[in-house]
Amino acid sequence: MRDDLVKEGEKILLWGGPDANFLTEYRVGKAVHSHRGILYLPEELRWGEGLVSSTGRVFYVIRPSNADFILRLKRKTNIFYPKDIGLVLLYTNFSPFSRVIEVGSGSGAMTVFLSNLLVPPGKLFSYDNNPEHQRTARENLKNFGKPENVIFRLRDVYVCGFVERDVDIVIIDVPEPWKVVPHAYKSLKDGGFLVFASPNIEQVKETREVMAKFGFVAMKTVEILMREWQIRDVGCRPEHEMRGHTLFYSFGRKTKTPKDAT
């Protein structure tokens, strides 16, 4: 099969401009309705091809990015935004073969993102104590990710901790992350990475204090502020709106347990 042909069932992004772009699944003959007209998906659709809607708008068939998936997730909770998720890859040793725990499945943004990068024996273990949140995360994973790379566990991690041991990375996104640090320590391999996301700097302070007691080192806390720019022939300028503070992201690496840390 030619590489430039879209396969039946693949996700495509129909790009008709910033005001008209739609993520859909390719099915021959499928009608895609929008405020810019109706598009009918033809046989032998090619990547990069331009389709004309019933109102004359041209839509280009392009490959969706990871951000396109994440911003279209069904949400029951706040999500990790694309501007932040890349930090987890940058400040850890993540690889396609990593064994990763996340606590706080939420709506599944991190779940979807990591599932698309993992390959066996890599695996993501996703914990939450709210069955409704996990139902949403499972649905989003089915629609946008690779479910075969994820194991869900419905469990109160504050009380019960994690099942797995010798994992590479633990990612925490819960209101009281400091309560998870002892459990994360037990599950991480020596030198493994702990990541936690919190909206409030006081949460960061308390959690890092506990991390220090358990011997985590090389700790770092960052936030990402992102602003797009308008590029024009005359008068380039920043957009009026920007994605400001969402979460603080903190990182640390496990060392051997000090004698006074149990």
Protein backbone atom coordinates (compact mmCIF):
# COMPACT_ATOMS: atom_id res chain seq x y z
CA MET A 1 0.00 0.00 0.00
CA ARG A 2 1.28 3.46 -0.85
CA ASP A 3 2.49 5.51 2.13
CA ASP A 4 0.62 8.60 0.99
CA LEU A 5 -2.78 6.87 1.12
CA VAL A 6 -4.91 7.26 4.24
CA LYS A 7 -5.86 3.89 5.69
CA GLU A 8 -9.48 3.08 6.51
CA GLY A 9 -10.09 3.90 10.17
CA GLU A 10 -7.13 6.27 10.56
CA LYS A 11 -7.64 9.57 12.33
CA ILE A 12 -7.31 12.60 10.03
CA LEU A 13 -7.36 16.32 10.66
CA LEU A 14 -9.34 18.29 8.10
CA TRP A 15 -7.67 21.70 8.07
CA GLY A 16 -9.76 24.53 6.66
CA GLY A 17 -7.99 27.24 8.66
CA PRO A 18 -7.83 28.24 12.34
CA ASP A 19 -11.61 28.73 12.38
CA ALA A 20 -12.43 25.38 10.77
CA ASN A 21 -10.44 22.25 11.57
CA PHE A 22 -11.93 18.93 12.50
CA LEU A 23 -10.58 15.62 13.74
CA THR A 24 -12.40 12.62 12.31
CA GLU A 25 -11.95 8.97 11.38
CA TYR A 26 -11.48 8.15 7.73
CA ARG A 27 -14.31 6.10 6.22
CA VAL A 28 -14.95 6.05 2.48
CA GLY A 29 -18.08 8.05 1.69
CA LYS A 30 -18.33 9.54 5.16
CA ALA A 31 -20.03 12.96 5.29
CA VAL A 32 -18.37 15.49 7.58
CA HIS A 33 -20.71 18.35 8.46
CA SER A 34 -19.44 21.73 9.63
CA HIS A 35 -20.28 25.42 9.63
CA ARG A 36 -18.08 25.64 6.50
CA GLY A 37 -20.10 23.12 4.53
CA ILE A 38 -20.24 19.37 4.02
CA LEU A 39 -17.28 17.22 2.98
CA TYR A 40 -17.56 13.72 1.54
CA LEU A 41 -14.47 11.56 2.06
CA PRO A 42 -13.49 9.86 -1.22
CA GLU A 43 -11.78 6.58 -2.01
CA GLU A 44 -7.97 6.61 -2.16
CA LEU A 45 -7.71 9.69 0.01
CA ARG A 46 -4.14 10.98 0.19
CA TRP A 47 -2.31 12.80 2.95
CA GLY A 48 -2.01 16.48 2.10
CA GLU A 49 -4.86 16.34 -0.39
CA GLY A 50 -7.26 19.29 -0.59
CA LEU A 51 -11.01 18.63 -0.48
CA VAL A 52 -13.63 21.24 -1.35
CA SER A 53 -16.71 21.51 0.85
CA SER A 54 -20.24 22.25 -0.34
CA THR A 55 -19.64 25.95 0.40
CA GLY A 56 -16.33 26.11 -1.49
CA ARG A 57 -14.00 25.99 1.52
CA VAL A 58 -10.84 23.95 0.90
CA PHE A 59 -9.92 21.47 3.65
CA TYR A 60 -6.51 19.79 3.63
CA VAL A 61 -6.12 16.24 4.90
CA ILE A 62 -3.24 16.33 7.40
CA ARG A 63 -1.92 14.06 10.12
CA PRO A 64 -3.11 14.94 13.64
CA SER A 65 -0.53 15.86 16.25
CA ASN A 66 -0.57 14.58 19.82
CA ALA A 67 -1.84 18.02 20.84
CA ASP A 68 -4.78 17.70 18.43
CA PHE A 69 -5.85 14.55 20.25
CA ILE A 70 -5.40 15.93 23.75
CA LEU A 71 -7.31 19.16 23.16
CA ARG A 72 -10.29 17.16 21.87
CA LEU A 73 -10.58 14.75 24.79
CA LYS A 74 -13.85 14.30 26.59
CA ARG A 75 -13.24 15.90 29.98
CA LYS A 76 -14.45 15.19 33.49
CA THR A 77 -11.43 16.83 35.14
CA ASN A 78 -8.71 19.32 34.34
CA ILE A 79 -6.11 17.89 31.97
CA PHE A 80 -2.38 18.06 31.33
CA TYR A 81 -2.05 20.63 28.54
CA PRO A 82 0.20 19.99 25.53
CA LYS A 83 2.52 22.81 26.57
CA ASP A 84 3.23 20.96 29.81
CA ILE A 85 3.25 17.28 28.83
CA GLY A 86 6.54 17.46 26.95
CA LEU A 87 8.30 18.33 30.21
CA VAL A 88 7.78 14.78 31.42
CA LEU A 89 9.82 13.50 28.48
CA LEU A 90 12.44 16.23 28.78
CA TYR A 91 13.15 15.97 32.52
CA THR A 92 12.96 12.18 32.88
CA ASN A 93 14.59 9.26 31.09
CA PHE A 94 11.37 8.19 29.39
CA SER A 95 11.77 5.75 26.50
CA PRO A 96 9.29 3.63 24.53
CA PHE A 97 10.25 0.72 26.81
CA SER A 98 9.68 2.53 30.13
CA ARG A 99 7.45 1.20 32.89
CA VAL A 100 5.49 4.20 34.16
CA ILE A 101 2.95 4.75 36.93
CA GLU A 102 0.52 7.64 36.85
CA VAL A 103 -1.78 8.36 39.77
CA GLY A 104 -4.78 10.44 38.84
CA SER A 105 -6.06 8.98 35.55
CA GLY A 106 -8.38 11.98 35.33
CA SER A 107 -9.65 12.48 31.80
CA GLY A 108 -6.74 10.56 30.35
CA ALA A 109 -4.61 13.25 28.68
CA MET A 110 -1.29 11.88 29.96
CA THR A 111 -2.63 8.35 29.50
CA VAL A 112 -3.36 8.91 25.80
CA PHE A 113 -0.08 10.70 25.17
CA LEU A 114 2.17 8.09 26.78
CA SER A 115 0.21 5.14 25.38
CA ASN A 116 0.98 6.33 21.85
CA LEU A 117 4.72 6.39 22.60
CA LEU A 118 5.10 3.08 24.44
CA VAL A 119 5.93 -0.27 22.85
CA PRO A 120 6.25 -3.66 24.63
CA PRO A 121 7.62 -4.29 27.16
CA GLY A 122 6.87 -0.64 27.97
CA LYS A 123 3.71 -0.20 30.00
CA LEU A 124 1.70 2.53 31.72
CA PHE A 125 -0.09 1.71 34.99
CA SER A 126 -2.86 4.25 35.53
CA TYR A 127 -4.35 4.65 39.03
CA ASP A 128 -7.46 6.51 40.19
CA ASN A 129 -9.93 6.05 43.04
CA ASN A 130 -12.86 7.49 41.06
CA PRO A 131 -14.55 4.98 38.72
CA GLU A 132 -16.22 7.76 36.69
CA HIS A 133 -12.85 9.35 35.96
CA GLN A 134 -11.45 6.03 34.82
CA ARG A 135 -14.44 5.40 32.57
CA THR A 136 -13.75 8.72 30.86
CA ALA A 137 -10.03 7.98 30.61
CA ARG A 138 -10.76 4.53 29.12
CA GLU A 139 -13.12 6.04 26.55
CA ASN A 140 -10.56 8.68 25.52
CA LEU A 141 -7.84 6.05 25.36
CA LYS A 142 -9.98 3.87 23.10
CA ASN A 143 -10.65 6.81 20.76
CA PHE A 144 -7.21 8.42 20.66
CA GLY A 145 -4.59 6.11 22.16
CA LYS A 146 -3.32 2.55 22.35
CA PRO A 147 -5.21 0.67 25.09
CA GLU A 148 -2.92 -2.36 24.83
CA ASN A 149 -0.13 -0.30 26.43
CA VAL A 150 -2.12 0.66 29.55
CA ILE A 151 -3.29 -1.18 32.68
CA PHE A 152 -5.91 0.65 34.78
CA ARG A 153 -6.13 0.14 38.53
CA LEU A 154 -9.04 1.44 40.65
CA ARG A 155 -7.34 2.00 43.98
CA ASP A 156 -6.90 4.53 46.79
CA VAL A 157 -3.19 5.15 46.48
CA TYR A 158 -3.06 7.32 49.60
CA VAL A 159 -3.92 4.25 51.66
CA CYS A 160 -2.92 1.24 49.55
CA GLY A 161 0.03 2.44 47.50
CA PHE A 162 1.03 0.83 44.20
CA VAL A 163 1.17 -2.79 43.11
CA GLU A 164 4.22 -2.43 40.84
CA ARG A 165 7.88 -2.31 41.80
CA ASP A 166 11.03 -1.29 39.89
CA VAL A 167 9.28 1.23 37.63
CA ASP A 168 11.17 3.96 35.82
CA ILE A 169 8.86 6.94 36.42
CA VAL A 170 6.00 7.84 38.76
CA ILE A 171 3.75 10.75 37.75
CA ILE A 172 1.49 12.20 40.46
CA ASP A 173 -1.54 14.40 39.78
CA VAL A 174 -3.64 14.38 42.95
CA PRO A 175 -4.54 17.11 45.49
CA GLU A 176 -2.14 15.87 48.20
CA PRO A 177 0.92 14.58 46.35
CA TRP A 178 3.07 14.49 49.51
CA LYS A 179 0.98 11.52 50.73
CA VAL A 180 2.01 9.52 47.64
CA VAL A 181 5.76 10.12 47.94
CA PRO A 182 6.42 7.17 50.33
CA HIS A 183 4.54 4.79 48.00
CA ALA A 184 6.32 6.19 44.95
CA TYR A 185 9.66 5.63 46.68
CA LYS A 186 8.87 1.95 47.19
CA SER A 187 7.80 1.48 43.56
CA LEU A 188 10.63 3.33 41.82
CA LYS A 189 13.86 1.64 40.86
CA ASP A 190 17.01 3.24 42.24
CA GLY A 191 17.69 6.41 40.28
CA GLY A 192 14.09 6.51 39.01
CA PHE A 193 12.15 9.72 38.44
CA LEU A 194 9.29 11.17 40.47
CA VAL A 195 7.13 13.81 38.78
CA PHE A 196 4.22 15.66 40.34
CA ALA A 197 1.90 18.35 39.06
CA SER A 198 0.20 20.86 41.35
CA PRO A 199 -1.64 24.16 40.77
CA ASN A 200 -0.63 25.66 44.13
CA ILE A 201 2.92 26.50 45.17
CA GLU A 202 2.21 25.49 48.78
CA GLN A 203 1.48 21.97 47.53
CA VAL A 204 4.84 22.03 45.81
CA LYS A 205 6.64 23.18 48.95
CA GLU A 206 5.11 20.51 51.19
CA THR A 207 5.71 17.72 48.69
CA ARG A 208 9.31 18.66 48.06
CA GLU A 209 9.96 18.68 51.79
CA VAL A 210 8.75 15.08 51.99
CA MET A 211 10.76 14.15 48.90
CA ALA A 212 13.89 15.54 50.51
CA LYS A 213 13.32 13.38 53.62
CA PHE A 214 13.16 10.32 51.40
CA GLY A 215 16.42 11.18 49.71
CA PHE A 216 15.21 12.47 46.35
CA VAL A 217 17.80 14.69 44.71
CA ALA A 218 18.23 16.90 41.65
CA MET A 219 14.82 18.40 42.34
CA LYS A 220 13.43 21.00 39.99
CA THR A 221 10.12 22.93 39.81
CA VAL A 222 9.03 24.75 36.65
CA GLU A 223 6.00 26.25 34.97
CA ILE A 224 5.44 26.92 31.28
CA LEU A 225 3.84 30.10 29.97
CA MET A 226 3.07 29.93 26.25
CA ARG A 227 1.98 32.71 23.91
CA GLU A 228 1.45 32.46 20.18
CA TRP A 229 2.38 35.22 17.74
CA GLN A 230 0.60 36.58 14.70
CA ILE A 231 3.01 36.66 11.75
CA ARG A 232 1.87 39.12 9.07
CA ASP A 233 3.41 41.17 6.27
CA VAL A 234 3.04 44.25 8.44
CA GLY A 235 2.64 44.44 12.19
CA CYS A 236 3.70 41.10 13.67
CA ARG A 237 2.53 40.97 17.25
CA PRO A 238 1.71 38.53 20.06
CA GLU A 239 -1.79 37.14 20.43
CA HIS A 240 -3.93 38.99 22.98
CA GLU A 241 -4.72 35.74 24.78
CA MET A 242 -2.11 33.31 26.06
CA ARG A 243 -1.99 30.03 27.95
CA GLY A 244 -0.62 31.17 31.28
CA HIS A 245 -0.26 29.28 34.54
CA THR A 246 -1.83 25.84 34.54
CA LEU A 247 0.31 23.70 36.84
CA PHE A 248 3.69 23.65 38.52
CA TYR A 249 5.70 20.60 37.49
CA SER A 250 8.25 19.21 39.90
CA PHE A 251 10.86 16.50 39.36
CA GLY A 252 13.21 14.49 41.53
CA ARG A 253 15.35 11.35 41.37
CA LYS A 254 15.40 8.49 43.83
CA THR A 255 18.51 7.65 45.83
CA LYS A 256 19.03 5.02 48.52
CA THR A 257 16.75 5.44 51.52
CA PRO A 258 18.33 7.38 54.38
CA LYS A 259 18.23 5.59 57.75
CA ASP A 260 15.66 8.00 59.16
CA ALA A 261 13.24 7.60 56.22
CA THR A 262 10.88 4.64 56.36
